[in-house]
Amino acid sequence: MTLTDAATTPRPNSPASSPQTRRGFPRRAPELIELSDGDRLDLRIAPVAKRLGAATFRMLAHNGSIPGPTMKVQDGSEVIVDVENQGDVRRVVTR
C-alpha cells in the first residue's frame, strides 16, 4: 500500500503554491514497513510544522513522517492498519 498525501501539497493561497517553490522541498524516500500475514500496524495522521528556508509550512504527517510509510505486504496476506486521524482533511489510501 502507498499513502497519497494531498495535505503535503501546499494550499493554493500559501506562498509555497507555485511550482518554483515546490521544487525546493527536499525529497526523501518513505520508510518501508514489511508486514506479514496477521500483522497489525498503528498509523497516526497528524499536523506537523516543516521549515523550508525561512518559511514554515503546515503539513500532515503519517507517524510523524513526510512522506508517510510504504507498507509491503505479500499477496494474499491479511493485515490490520489502525488509523488514528488527528488531521483536518480526509485521507486517501491506495494499493
C-alpha atoms as a PDB file:
ATOM      1  CA  MET A   1       0.000   0.000   0.000  1.00  0.00           C
ATOM      2  CA  THR A   2       1.045   3.562  -0.555  1.00  0.00           C
ATOM      3  CA  LEU A   3      -0.477   6.571   1.082  1.00  0.00           C
ATOM      4  CA  THR A   4      -1.355   9.508  -1.100  1.00  0.00           C
ATOM      5  CA  ASP A   5      -0.946  12.647   0.934  1.00  0.00           C
ATOM      6  CA  ALA A   6      -2.752  15.578  -0.629  1.00  0.00           C
ATOM      7  CA  ALA A   7      -2.038  17.544   2.535  1.00  0.00           C
ATOM      8  CA  THR A   8       1.704  17.697   1.830  1.00  0.00           C
ATOM      9  CA  THR A   9       0.949  19.851  -1.186  1.00  0.00           C
ATOM     10  CA  PRO A  10       0.858  23.486  -0.096  1.00  0.00           C
ATOM     11  CA  ARG A  11      -2.576  25.102  -0.159  1.00  0.00           C
ATOM     12  CA  PRO A  12      -3.416  27.376  -3.134  1.00  0.00           C
ATOM     13  CA  ASN A  13      -3.117  30.627  -1.159  1.00  0.00           C
ATOM     14  CA  SER A  14       0.134  29.695   0.560  1.00  0.00           C
ATOM     15  CA  PRO A  15       3.469  31.127  -0.568  1.00  0.00           C
ATOM     16  CA  ALA A  16       4.607  27.599  -1.404  1.00  0.00           C
ATOM     17  CA  SER A  17       1.921  27.030  -4.044  1.00  0.00           C
ATOM     18  CA  SER A  18       3.997  27.985  -7.054  1.00  0.00           C
ATOM     19  CA  PRO A  19       5.822  25.212  -8.949  1.00  0.00           C
ATOM     20  CA  GLN A  20       9.132  27.023  -8.419  1.00  0.00           C
ATOM     21  CA  THR A  21       8.737  26.911  -4.643  1.00  0.00           C
ATOM     22  CA  ARG A  22       7.594  23.278  -4.531  1.00  0.00           C
ATOM     23  CA  ARG A  23      10.849  22.237  -6.155  1.00  0.00           C
ATOM     24  CA  GLY A  24      12.610  23.442  -3.013  1.00  0.00           C
ATOM     25  CA  PHE A  25      11.085  20.756  -0.789  1.00  0.00           C
ATOM     26  CA  PRO A  26      13.661  18.078  -0.013  1.00  0.00           C
ATOM     27  CA  ARG A  27      12.811  14.664  -1.462  1.00  0.00           C
ATOM     28  CA  ARG A  28      13.064  11.703   0.879  1.00  0.00           C
ATOM     29  CA  ALA A  29      12.262   8.042   0.385  1.00  0.00           C
ATOM     30  CA  PRO A  30       9.379   6.850   2.550  1.00  0.00           C
ATOM     31  CA  GLU A  31      10.038   4.381   5.362  1.00  0.00           C
ATOM     32  CA  LEU A  32       9.477   0.800   4.192  1.00  0.00           C
ATOM     33  CA  ILE A  33       7.435  -1.304   6.611  1.00  0.00           C
ATOM     34  CA  GLU A  34       7.255  -5.016   5.782  1.00  0.00           C
ATOM     35  CA  LEU A  35       4.162  -6.699   7.183  1.00  0.00           C
ATOM     36  CA  SER A  36       3.434 -10.423   7.386  1.00  0.00           C
ATOM     37  CA  ASP A  37       0.084 -12.187   7.387  1.00  0.00           C
ATOM     38  CA  GLY A  38      -1.775 -11.288  10.582  1.00  0.00           C
ATOM     39  CA  ASP A  39       0.409  -8.275  11.454  1.00  0.00           C
ATOM     40  CA  ARG A  40      -1.074  -5.071  12.795  1.00  0.00           C
ATOM     41  CA  LEU A  41       0.201  -1.507  12.220  1.00  0.00           C
ATOM     42  CA  ASP A  42      -0.748   1.679  14.070  1.00  0.00           C
ATOM     43  CA  LEU A  43      -0.819   4.680  11.735  1.00  0.00           C
ATOM     44  CA  ARG A  44      -1.262   8.176  13.187  1.00  0.00           C
ATOM     45  CA  ILE A  45      -2.114  11.097  10.899  1.00  0.00           C
ATOM     46  CA  ALA A  46      -1.420  14.490  12.473  1.00  0.00           C
ATOM     47  CA  PRO A  47      -0.352  18.022  11.548  1.00  0.00           C
ATOM     48  CA  VAL A  48       3.318  18.992  11.761  1.00  0.00           C
ATOM     49  CA  ALA A  49       5.253  22.168  11.016  1.00  0.00           C
ATOM     50  CA  LYS A  50       8.080  21.849   8.482  1.00  0.00           C
ATOM     51  CA  ARG A  51      10.617  24.566   7.765  1.00  0.00           C
ATOM     52  CA  LEU A  52      11.825  25.331   4.250  1.00  0.00           C
ATOM     53  CA  GLY A  53      14.365  28.102   4.328  1.00  0.00           C
ATOM     54  CA  ALA A  54      12.852  30.943   6.331  1.00  0.00           C
ATOM     55  CA  ALA A  55       9.250  29.761   5.837  1.00  0.00           C
ATOM     56  CA  THR A  56       7.286  27.305   7.975  1.00  0.00           C
ATOM     57  CA  PHE A  57       4.577  25.157   6.376  1.00  0.00           C
ATOM     58  CA  ARG A  58       1.777  23.156   7.982  1.00  0.00           C
ATOM     59  CA  MET A  59       1.582  19.613   6.629  1.00  0.00           C
ATOM     60  CA  LEU A  60       0.076  16.292   7.624  1.00  0.00           C
ATOM     61  CA  ALA A  61       2.461  13.542   8.606  1.00  0.00           C
ATOM     62  CA  HIS A  62       1.962   9.793   8.975  1.00  0.00           C
ATOM     63  CA  ASN A  63       3.618   8.517  12.159  1.00  0.00           C
ATOM     64  CA  GLY A  64       5.475  11.829  12.303  1.00  0.00           C
ATOM     65  CA  SER A  65       6.973  11.423   8.839  1.00  0.00           C
ATOM     66  CA  ILE A  66       6.547  13.096   5.438  1.00  0.00           C
ATOM     67  CA  PRO A  67       6.143  11.189   3.211  1.00  0.00           C
ATOM     68  CA  GLY A  68       4.355   8.507   5.198  1.00  0.00           C
ATOM     69  CA  PRO A  69       5.483   4.883   5.206  1.00  0.00           C
ATOM     70  CA  THR A  70       5.206   2.427   2.327  1.00  0.00           C
ATOM     71  CA  MET A  71       3.731  -0.852   3.506  1.00  0.00           C
ATOM     72  CA  LYS A  72       4.982  -4.016   1.825  1.00  0.00           C
ATOM     73  CA  VAL A  73       2.620  -6.983   2.197  1.00  0.00           C
ATOM     74  CA  GLN A  74       2.798 -10.377   0.491  1.00  0.00           C
ATOM     75  CA  ASP A  75      -0.039 -11.083  -1.939  1.00  0.00           C
ATOM     76  CA  GLY A  76      -2.860 -12.935  -0.173  1.00  0.00           C
ATOM     77  CA  SER A  77      -1.850 -11.756   3.308  1.00  0.00           C
ATOM     78  CA  GLU A  78      -4.271 -10.014   5.613  1.00  0.00           C
ATOM     79  CA  VAL A  79      -3.070  -7.171   7.816  1.00  0.00           C
ATOM     80  CA  ILE A  80      -4.823  -4.667  10.047  1.00  0.00           C
ATOM     81  CA  VAL A  81      -3.946  -0.968   9.881  1.00  0.00           C
ATOM     82  CA  ASP A  82      -5.378   1.008  12.791  1.00  0.00           C
ATOM     83  CA  VAL A  83      -5.591   4.642  11.662  1.00  0.00           C
ATOM     84  CA  GLU A  84      -5.864   7.476  14.141  1.00  0.00           C
ATOM     85  CA  ASN A  85      -6.738  10.574  12.098  1.00  0.00           C
ATOM     86  CA  GLN A  86      -5.858  13.714  14.030  1.00  0.00           C
ATOM     87  CA  GLY A  87      -5.771  15.725  10.801  1.00  0.00           C
ATOM     88  CA  ASP A  88      -8.378  18.037   9.361  1.00  0.00           C
ATOM     89  CA  VAL A  89      -8.522  16.640   5.806  1.00  0.00           C
ATOM     90  CA  ARG A  90      -9.706  13.297   4.524  1.00  0.00           C
ATOM     91  CA  ARG A  91      -7.019  10.746   3.637  1.00  0.00           C
ATOM     92  CA  VAL A  92      -6.777   8.563   0.584  1.00  0.00           C
ATOM     93  CA  VAL A  93      -5.295   5.071   0.846  1.00  0.00           C
ATOM     94  CA  THR A  94      -4.378   3.281  -2.370  1.00  0.00           C
ATOM     95  CA  ARG A  95      -2.737  -0.016  -3.093  1.00  0.00           C
END
